[in-house]
């Protein structure tokens, strides 16, 4: 893939996998619009990434649980670029818990909003810009928690529910946007680690997830990789 000149938006880009994704695109020459709830943190990431490669990074605030914040983010990106080539829906609030009562009602609502409603609203806001691209991709970092029958994560039931909502949205969007040439690519990784050995008997790493994203968006337009599913070899 040659991302030189591509316009890419990444949510949840202030840390972890979102930051790695932004870094991968910037190093390959893309102009990346980084979004996160903590504006100061994502601005710091953008500042650190600017000298890292041929691309460029701009930072924006976007609270995925707040529709007004999402609309403001969409308007800011539209002011900054006439088109968008890749949207990476990475941001989501993760919480652990076995029992429903392990977290507050407010936290449950926030978890559901960030991954479910937030993904839908960000995509809605940026879809007009994607439609102006000659090679538009929507990438969704979902989770194995969004797979039917999965039960191996320590995530709270609200996170499971939110990821199932995100998966359902991605599935129907893939079907309905395909005729426009917009690819919808979803990844369902199990719980993974940010760093570690990349061997067959090790946990999946964030870098491997990022490599899958870069591989998928780099394919020719006749190659539509709709979903990535992973074997979870560790108990």
C-alpha atoms as a PDB file:
ATOM      1  CA  UNK A   1       0.000   0.000   0.000  1.00  0.00           C
ATOM      2  CA  UNK A   2       1.109   3.535  -0.718  1.00  0.00           C
ATOM      3  CA  UNK A   3      -0.844   5.797   1.665  1.00  0.00           C
ATOM      4  CA  UNK A   4       0.921   8.957   0.469  1.00  0.00           C
ATOM      5  CA  UNK A   5      -1.689  11.697   0.419  1.00  0.00           C
ATOM      6  CA  UNK A   6      -4.477   9.591   1.894  1.00  0.00           C
ATOM      7  CA  UNK A   7      -6.799  11.353   4.323  1.00  0.00           C
ATOM      8  CA  UNK A   8      -7.455   9.142   7.359  1.00  0.00           C
ATOM      9  CA  UNK A   9      -9.554   9.664  10.506  1.00  0.00           C
ATOM     10  CA  UNK A  10      -8.850   7.559  13.603  1.00  0.00           C
ATOM     11  CA  UNK A  11     -10.988   7.672  16.746  1.00  0.00           C
ATOM     12  CA  UNK A  12      -9.604   6.768  20.153  1.00  0.00           C
ATOM     13  CA  UNK A  13      -6.182   7.886  18.947  1.00  0.00           C
ATOM     14  CA  UNK A  14      -4.739   9.233  22.200  1.00  0.00           C
ATOM     15  CA  UNK A  15      -3.272   5.931  23.318  1.00  0.00           C
ATOM     16  CA  UNK A  16      -2.929   2.208  22.713  1.00  0.00           C
ATOM     17  CA  UNK A  17      -4.036   0.706  19.432  1.00  0.00           C
ATOM     18  CA  UNK A  18      -5.494   3.970  18.136  1.00  0.00           C
ATOM     19  CA  UNK A  19      -2.153   5.695  18.555  1.00  0.00           C
ATOM     20  CA  UNK A  20      -0.357   2.809  16.805  1.00  0.00           C
ATOM     21  CA  UNK A  21      -2.796   3.021  13.902  1.00  0.00           C
ATOM     22  CA  UNK A  22      -2.271   6.762  13.570  1.00  0.00           C
ATOM     23  CA  UNK A  23       1.488   6.271  13.700  1.00  0.00           C
ATOM     24  CA  UNK A  24       1.383   3.596  10.988  1.00  0.00           C
ATOM     25  CA  UNK A  25      -0.535   5.853   8.617  1.00  0.00           C
ATOM     26  CA  UNK A  26       1.612   8.946   9.321  1.00  0.00           C
ATOM     27  CA  UNK A  27       4.839   7.015   8.778  1.00  0.00           C
ATOM     28  CA  UNK A  28       3.536   5.936   5.373  1.00  0.00           C
ATOM     29  CA  UNK A  29       2.667   9.470   4.256  1.00  0.00           C
ATOM     30  CA  UNK A  30      -1.007   9.861   5.144  1.00  0.00           C
ATOM     31  CA  UNK A  31      -2.657  12.966   6.573  1.00  0.00           C
ATOM     32  CA  UNK A  32      -4.302  11.672   9.745  1.00  0.00           C
ATOM     33  CA  UNK A  33      -7.072  13.311  11.737  1.00  0.00           C
ATOM     34  CA  UNK A  34      -6.705  12.042  15.310  1.00  0.00           C
ATOM     35  CA  UNK A  35      -9.731  12.116  17.592  1.00  0.00           C
ATOM     36  CA  UNK A  36     -10.073  11.438  21.307  1.00  0.00           C
ATOM     37  CA  UNK A  37     -12.102  12.602  24.272  1.00  0.00           C
ATOM     38  CA  UNK A  38      -9.002  14.100  25.943  1.00  0.00           C
ATOM     39  CA  UNK A  39      -7.939  16.912  23.606  1.00  0.00           C
ATOM     40  CA  UNK A  40      -4.676  17.638  25.426  1.00  0.00           C
ATOM     41  CA  UNK A  41      -3.616  13.993  25.193  1.00  0.00           C
ATOM     42  CA  UNK A  42      -4.401  13.635  21.505  1.00  0.00           C
ATOM     43  CA  UNK A  43      -2.714  16.956  20.702  1.00  0.00           C
ATOM     44  CA  UNK A  44       0.419  15.633  22.367  1.00  0.00           C
ATOM     45  CA  UNK A  45       0.237  12.484  20.239  1.00  0.00           C
ATOM     46  CA  UNK A  46      -0.155  14.531  17.063  1.00  0.00           C
ATOM     47  CA  UNK A  47       2.849  16.661  18.011  1.00  0.00           C
ATOM     48  CA  UNK A  48       4.944  13.548  18.585  1.00  0.00           C
ATOM     49  CA  UNK A  49       3.865  11.943  15.316  1.00  0.00           C
ATOM     50  CA  UNK A  50       4.500  14.881  12.985  1.00  0.00           C
ATOM     51  CA  UNK A  51       8.264  14.301  12.709  1.00  0.00           C
ATOM     52  CA  UNK A  52       7.867  10.512  12.483  1.00  0.00           C
ATOM     53  CA  UNK A  53       7.160  10.129   8.779  1.00  0.00           C
ATOM     54  CA  UNK A  54       6.148  11.708   5.502  1.00  0.00           C
ATOM     55  CA  UNK A  55       2.586  12.322   6.613  1.00  0.00           C
ATOM     56  CA  UNK A  56       0.889  14.822   8.883  1.00  0.00           C
ATOM     57  CA  UNK A  57      -1.280  14.625  12.009  1.00  0.00           C
ATOM     58  CA  UNK A  58      -4.008  16.944  13.296  1.00  0.00           C
ATOM     59  CA  UNK A  59      -5.785  16.514  16.620  1.00  0.00           C
ATOM     60  CA  UNK A  60      -9.456  16.990  17.465  1.00  0.00           C
ATOM     61  CA  UNK A  61     -11.658  16.414  20.486  1.00  0.00           C
ATOM     62  CA  UNK A  62     -14.410  13.841  20.024  1.00  0.00           C
ATOM     63  CA  UNK A  63     -16.391  12.312  22.882  1.00  0.00           C
ATOM     64  CA  UNK A  64     -18.068   9.255  21.375  1.00  0.00           C
ATOM     65  CA  UNK A  65     -20.752   9.304  24.060  1.00  0.00           C
ATOM     66  CA  UNK A  66     -21.796  12.892  23.203  1.00  0.00           C
ATOM     67  CA  UNK A  67     -23.610  13.552  19.887  1.00  0.00           C
ATOM     68  CA  UNK A  68     -22.788  17.286  19.952  1.00  0.00           C
ATOM     69  CA  UNK A  69     -19.088  16.486  20.260  1.00  0.00           C
ATOM     70  CA  UNK A  70     -19.282  14.061  17.357  1.00  0.00           C
ATOM     71  CA  UNK A  71     -21.048  16.628  15.176  1.00  0.00           C
ATOM     72  CA  UNK A  72     -18.372  19.209  16.016  1.00  0.00           C
ATOM     73  CA  UNK A  73     -15.645  16.716  15.103  1.00  0.00           C
ATOM     74  CA  UNK A  74     -17.317  15.960  11.781  1.00  0.00           C
ATOM     75  CA  UNK A  75     -17.614  19.652  10.976  1.00  0.00           C
ATOM     76  CA  UNK A  76     -13.951  20.264  11.854  1.00  0.00           C
ATOM     77  CA  UNK A  77     -12.764  17.446   9.585  1.00  0.00           C
ATOM     78  CA  UNK A  78     -14.986  18.757   6.768  1.00  0.00           C
ATOM     79  CA  UNK A  79     -13.395  22.190   7.182  1.00  0.00           C
ATOM     80  CA  UNK A  80      -9.921  20.623   7.017  1.00  0.00           C
ATOM     81  CA  UNK A  81     -10.306  18.353   3.989  1.00  0.00           C
ATOM     82  CA  UNK A  82     -12.602  18.021   0.957  1.00  0.00           C
ATOM     83  CA  UNK A  83     -12.597  14.227   1.197  1.00  0.00           C
ATOM     84  CA  UNK A  84     -11.767  11.323   3.488  1.00  0.00           C
ATOM     85  CA  UNK A  85     -10.265   8.056   2.278  1.00  0.00           C
ATOM     86  CA  UNK A  86     -10.231   5.933   5.436  1.00  0.00           C
ATOM     87  CA  UNK A  87     -12.257   6.073   8.640  1.00  0.00           C
ATOM     88  CA  UNK A  88     -11.021   3.873  11.489  1.00  0.00           C
ATOM     89  CA  UNK A  89     -13.664   3.416  14.183  1.00  0.00           C
ATOM     90  CA  UNK A  90     -11.319   2.421  16.986  1.00  0.00           C
ATOM     91  CA  UNK A  91     -12.577   4.350  19.997  1.00  0.00           C
ATOM     92  CA  UNK A  92     -14.708   2.598  22.624  1.00  0.00           C
ATOM     93  CA  UNK A  93     -14.923   2.560  26.393  1.00  0.00           C
ATOM     94  CA  UNK A  94     -13.808  -0.789  27.841  1.00  0.00           C
ATOM     95  CA  UNK A  95     -14.778  -1.878  31.346  1.00  0.00           C
ATOM     96  CA  UNK A  96     -14.434  -5.195  33.134  1.00  0.00           C
ATOM     97  CA  UNK A  97     -17.054  -6.836  35.320  1.00  0.00           C
ATOM     98  CA  UNK A  98     -18.908 -10.122  35.662  1.00  0.00           C
ATOM     99  CA  UNK A  99     -22.154  -8.906  37.213  1.00  0.00           C
ATOM    100  CA  UNK A 100     -24.381  -6.165  35.825  1.00  0.00           C
ATOM    101  CA  UNK A 101     -24.073  -4.320  39.108  1.00  0.00           C
ATOM    102  CA  UNK A 102     -20.287  -4.177  38.947  1.00  0.00           C
ATOM    103  CA  UNK A 103     -20.504  -0.770  37.295  1.00  0.00           C
ATOM    104  CA  UNK A 104     -22.935   2.130  37.670  1.00  0.00           C
ATOM    105  CA  UNK A 105     -25.954   2.822  35.486  1.00  0.00           C
ATOM    106  CA  UNK A 106     -24.153   5.859  34.101  1.00  0.00           C
ATOM    107  CA  UNK A 107     -21.137   3.751  33.141  1.00  0.00           C
ATOM    108  CA  UNK A 108     -23.363   1.212  31.393  1.00  0.00           C
ATOM    109  CA  UNK A 109     -24.966   3.992  29.356  1.00  0.00           C
ATOM    110  CA  UNK A 110     -21.560   5.455  28.496  1.00  0.00           C
ATOM    111  CA  UNK A 111     -20.162   2.083  27.375  1.00  0.00           C
ATOM    112  CA  UNK A 112     -23.176   1.450  25.160  1.00  0.00           C
ATOM    113  CA  UNK A 113     -23.019   4.965  23.714  1.00  0.00           C
ATOM    114  CA  UNK A 114     -19.302   5.061  22.945  1.00  0.00           C
ATOM    115  CA  UNK A 115     -19.035   1.845  20.929  1.00  0.00           C
ATOM    116  CA  UNK A 116     -22.584   1.498  19.617  1.00  0.00           C
ATOM    117  CA  UNK A 117     -24.116   4.918  19.072  1.00  0.00           C
ATOM    118  CA  UNK A 118     -20.735   6.627  18.818  1.00  0.00           C
ATOM    119  CA  UNK A 119     -19.545   4.453  15.934  1.00  0.00           C
ATOM    120  CA  UNK A 120     -22.818   5.034  14.098  1.00  0.00           C
ATOM    121  CA  UNK A 121     -22.783   8.801  14.565  1.00  0.00           C
ATOM    122  CA  UNK A 122     -19.112   9.248  13.607  1.00  0.00           C
ATOM    123  CA  UNK A 123     -19.719   7.235  10.451  1.00  0.00           C
ATOM    124  CA  UNK A 124     -22.844   9.269   9.692  1.00  0.00           C
ATOM    125  CA  UNK A 125     -20.945  12.538  10.057  1.00  0.00           C
ATOM    126  CA  UNK A 126     -17.984  11.484   7.905  1.00  0.00           C
ATOM    127  CA  UNK A 127     -19.774   9.422   5.250  1.00  0.00           C
ATOM    128  CA  UNK A 128     -20.288  12.448   2.929  1.00  0.00           C
ATOM    129  CA  UNK A 129     -16.500  12.968   2.884  1.00  0.00           C
ATOM    130  CA  UNK A 130     -15.888   9.249   2.263  1.00  0.00           C
ATOM    131  CA  UNK A 131     -18.290   9.345  -0.682  1.00  0.00           C
ATOM    132  CA  UNK A 132     -16.024  11.925  -2.314  1.00  0.00           C
ATOM    133  CA  UNK A 133     -13.030   9.562  -2.232  1.00  0.00           C
ATOM    134  CA  UNK A 134     -12.011   7.254  -5.086  1.00  0.00           C
ATOM    135  CA  UNK A 135     -10.949   4.561  -2.583  1.00  0.00           C
ATOM    136  CA  UNK A 136     -13.076   4.825   0.565  1.00  0.00           C
ATOM    137  CA  UNK A 137     -12.714   2.366   3.437  1.00  0.00           C
ATOM    138  CA  UNK A 138     -14.478   2.181   6.802  1.00  0.00           C
ATOM    139  CA  UNK A 139     -12.560   0.068   9.322  1.00  0.00           C
ATOM    140  CA  UNK A 140     -14.222  -1.048  12.559  1.00  0.00           C
ATOM    141  CA  UNK A 141     -12.138  -2.322  15.466  1.00  0.00           C
ATOM    142  CA  UNK A 142     -14.875  -4.391  17.073  1.00  0.00           C
ATOM    143  CA  UNK A 143     -13.872  -7.280  19.370  1.00  0.00           C
ATOM    144  CA  UNK A 144     -14.403 -10.988  19.755  1.00  0.00           C
ATOM    145  CA  UNK A 145     -16.995  -9.821  22.311  1.00  0.00           C
ATOM    146  CA  UNK A 146     -19.121  -8.963  19.272  1.00  0.00           C
ATOM    147  CA  UNK A 147     -19.099 -12.567  18.029  1.00  0.00           C
ATOM    148  CA  UNK A 148     -22.058 -14.833  18.757  1.00  0.00           C
ATOM    149  CA  UNK A 149     -21.195 -17.296  21.512  1.00  0.00           C
ATOM    150  CA  UNK A 150     -17.996 -15.613  22.668  1.00  0.00           C
ATOM    151  CA  UNK A 151     -17.583 -15.653  26.460  1.00  0.00           C
ATOM    152  CA  UNK A 152     -13.846 -15.642  27.140  1.00  0.00           C
ATOM    153  CA  UNK A 153     -13.342 -11.958  27.905  1.00  0.00           C
ATOM    154  CA  UNK A 154     -13.483 -10.396  31.364  1.00  0.00           C
ATOM    155  CA  UNK A 155     -15.397  -7.465  29.853  1.00  0.00           C
ATOM    156  CA  UNK A 156     -18.634  -6.271  31.431  1.00  0.00           C
ATOM    157  CA  UNK A 157     -21.898  -7.406  29.771  1.00  0.00           C
ATOM    158  CA  UNK A 158     -22.441  -3.809  28.630  1.00  0.00           C
ATOM    159  CA  UNK A 159     -19.258  -4.011  26.571  1.00  0.00           C
ATOM    160  CA  UNK A 160     -20.462  -7.274  25.023  1.00  0.00           C
ATOM    161  CA  UNK A 161     -23.789  -5.655  24.182  1.00  0.00           C
ATOM    162  CA  UNK A 162     -22.133  -2.562  22.704  1.00  0.00           C
ATOM    163  CA  UNK A 163     -19.838  -4.649  20.516  1.00  0.00           C
ATOM    164  CA  UNK A 164     -22.761  -6.727  19.224  1.00  0.00           C
ATOM    165  CA  UNK A 165     -24.480  -3.461  18.284  1.00  0.00           C
ATOM    166  CA  UNK A 166     -21.338  -2.290  16.506  1.00  0.00           C
ATOM    167  CA  UNK A 167     -21.053  -5.610  14.647  1.00  0.00           C
ATOM    168  CA  UNK A 168     -24.670  -5.456  13.495  1.00  0.00           C
ATOM    169  CA  UNK A 169     -24.194  -1.908  12.241  1.00  0.00           C
ATOM    170  CA  UNK A 170     -21.035  -2.877  10.352  1.00  0.00           C
ATOM    171  CA  UNK A 171     -22.704  -5.869   8.724  1.00  0.00           C
ATOM    172  CA  UNK A 172     -25.657  -3.974   7.255  1.00  0.00           C
ATOM    173  CA  UNK A 173     -23.429  -1.046   6.316  1.00  0.00           C
ATOM    174  CA  UNK A 174     -21.106  -3.390   4.414  1.00  0.00           C
ATOM    175  CA  UNK A 175     -24.006  -4.714   2.390  1.00  0.00           C
ATOM    176  CA  UNK A 176     -25.583  -1.346   1.625  1.00  0.00           C
ATOM    177  CA  UNK A 177     -22.409   0.617   0.830  1.00  0.00           C
ATOM    178  CA  UNK A 178     -20.705  -2.028  -1.302  1.00  0.00           C
ATOM    179  CA  UNK A 179     -22.578  -0.886  -4.396  1.00  0.00           C
ATOM    180  CA  UNK A 180     -20.973   2.549  -3.948  1.00  0.00           C
ATOM    181  CA  UNK A 181     -17.494   1.047  -3.804  1.00  0.00           C
ATOM    182  CA  UNK A 182     -17.151   1.764  -0.087  1.00  0.00           C
ATOM    183  CA  UNK A 183     -15.513  -1.145   1.714  1.00  0.00           C
ATOM    184  CA  UNK A 184     -16.520  -1.835   5.304  1.00  0.00           C
ATOM    185  CA  UNK A 185     -13.816  -3.856   7.068  1.00  0.00           C
ATOM    186  CA  UNK A 186     -14.360  -5.207  10.588  1.00  0.00           C
ATOM    187  CA  UNK A 187     -11.862  -6.828  12.946  1.00  0.00           C
ATOM    188  CA  UNK A 188     -12.912  -9.105  15.829  1.00  0.00           C
ATOM    189  CA  UNK A 189      -9.739  -9.590  17.903  1.00  0.00           C
ATOM    190  CA  UNK A 190      -9.879 -11.366  21.266  1.00  0.00           C
ATOM    191  CA  UNK A 191      -8.460  -9.591  24.298  1.00  0.00           C
ATOM    192  CA  UNK A 192      -4.923  -8.664  23.238  1.00  0.00           C
ATOM    193  CA  UNK A 193      -1.805  -7.082  24.675  1.00  0.00           C
ATOM    194  CA  UNK A 194      -0.168  -3.830  23.617  1.00  0.00           C
ATOM    195  CA  UNK A 195       3.323  -5.313  23.640  1.00  0.00           C
ATOM    196  CA  UNK A 196       4.759  -8.799  23.715  1.00  0.00           C
ATOM    197  CA  UNK A 197       6.379 -11.551  21.670  1.00  0.00           C
ATOM    198  CA  UNK A 198       4.725 -12.256  18.344  1.00  0.00           C
ATOM    199  CA  UNK A 199       4.935 -16.029  18.454  1.00  0.00           C
ATOM    200  CA  UNK A 200       2.372 -18.760  17.817  1.00  0.00           C
ATOM    201  CA  UNK A 201       1.877 -19.493  21.516  1.00  0.00           C
ATOM    202  CA  UNK A 202       1.638 -15.851  22.611  1.00  0.00           C
ATOM    203  CA  UNK A 203      -1.253 -13.469  23.064  1.00  0.00           C
ATOM    204  CA  UNK A 204      -2.230 -11.402  20.053  1.00  0.00           C
ATOM    205  CA  UNK A 205      -0.460  -8.029  20.053  1.00  0.00           C
ATOM    206  CA  UNK A 206      -1.766  -4.600  19.120  1.00  0.00           C
ATOM    207  CA  UNK A 207       0.860  -4.345  16.384  1.00  0.00           C
ATOM    208  CA  UNK A 208      -0.532  -7.466  14.721  1.00  0.00           C
ATOM    209  CA  UNK A 209      -4.009  -5.927  14.770  1.00  0.00           C
ATOM    210  CA  UNK A 210      -2.590  -2.755  13.190  1.00  0.00           C
ATOM    211  CA  UNK A 211      -0.811  -4.843  10.533  1.00  0.00           C
ATOM    212  CA  UNK A 212      -4.139  -6.471   9.638  1.00  0.00           C
ATOM    213  CA  UNK A 213      -5.722  -3.048   9.164  1.00  0.00           C
ATOM    214  CA  UNK A 214      -2.889  -1.829   6.953  1.00  0.00           C
ATOM    215  CA  UNK A 215      -3.057  -5.033   4.909  1.00  0.00           C
ATOM    216  CA  UNK A 216      -6.808  -4.772   4.351  1.00  0.00           C
ATOM    217  CA  UNK A 217      -6.916  -1.120   3.289  1.00  0.00           C
ATOM    218  CA  UNK A 218      -3.937  -1.705   1.002  1.00  0.00           C
ATOM    219  CA  UNK A 219      -5.676  -4.306  -1.137  1.00  0.00           C
ATOM    220  CA  UNK A 220      -6.818  -3.512  -4.698  1.00  0.00           C
ATOM    221  CA  UNK A 221     -10.390  -2.315  -4.936  1.00  0.00           C
ATOM    222  CA  UNK A 222     -11.656  -5.659  -6.264  1.00  0.00           C
ATOM    223  CA  UNK A 223     -10.555  -7.299  -3.000  1.00  0.00           C
ATOM    224  CA  UNK A 224     -13.181  -6.855  -0.308  1.00  0.00           C
ATOM    225  CA  UNK A 225     -12.035  -8.262   3.044  1.00  0.00           C
ATOM    226  CA  UNK A 226     -15.165  -7.841   5.110  1.00  0.00           C
ATOM    227  CA  UNK A 227     -14.074  -9.396   8.410  1.00  0.00           C
ATOM    228  CA  UNK A 228     -11.023 -10.601  10.328  1.00  0.00           C
ATOM    229  CA  UNK A 229     -11.603 -13.305  12.943  1.00  0.00           C
ATOM    230  CA  UNK A 230      -8.814 -14.640  15.138  1.00  0.00           C
ATOM    231  CA  UNK A 231      -8.075 -17.885  16.931  1.00  0.00           C
ATOM    232  CA  UNK A 232      -7.659 -17.298  20.663  1.00  0.00           C
ATOM    233  CA  UNK A 233      -5.018 -19.827  21.596  1.00  0.00           C
ATOM    234  CA  UNK A 234      -4.457 -18.597  25.146  1.00  0.00           C
ATOM    235  CA  UNK A 235      -6.931 -19.553  27.903  1.00  0.00           C
END
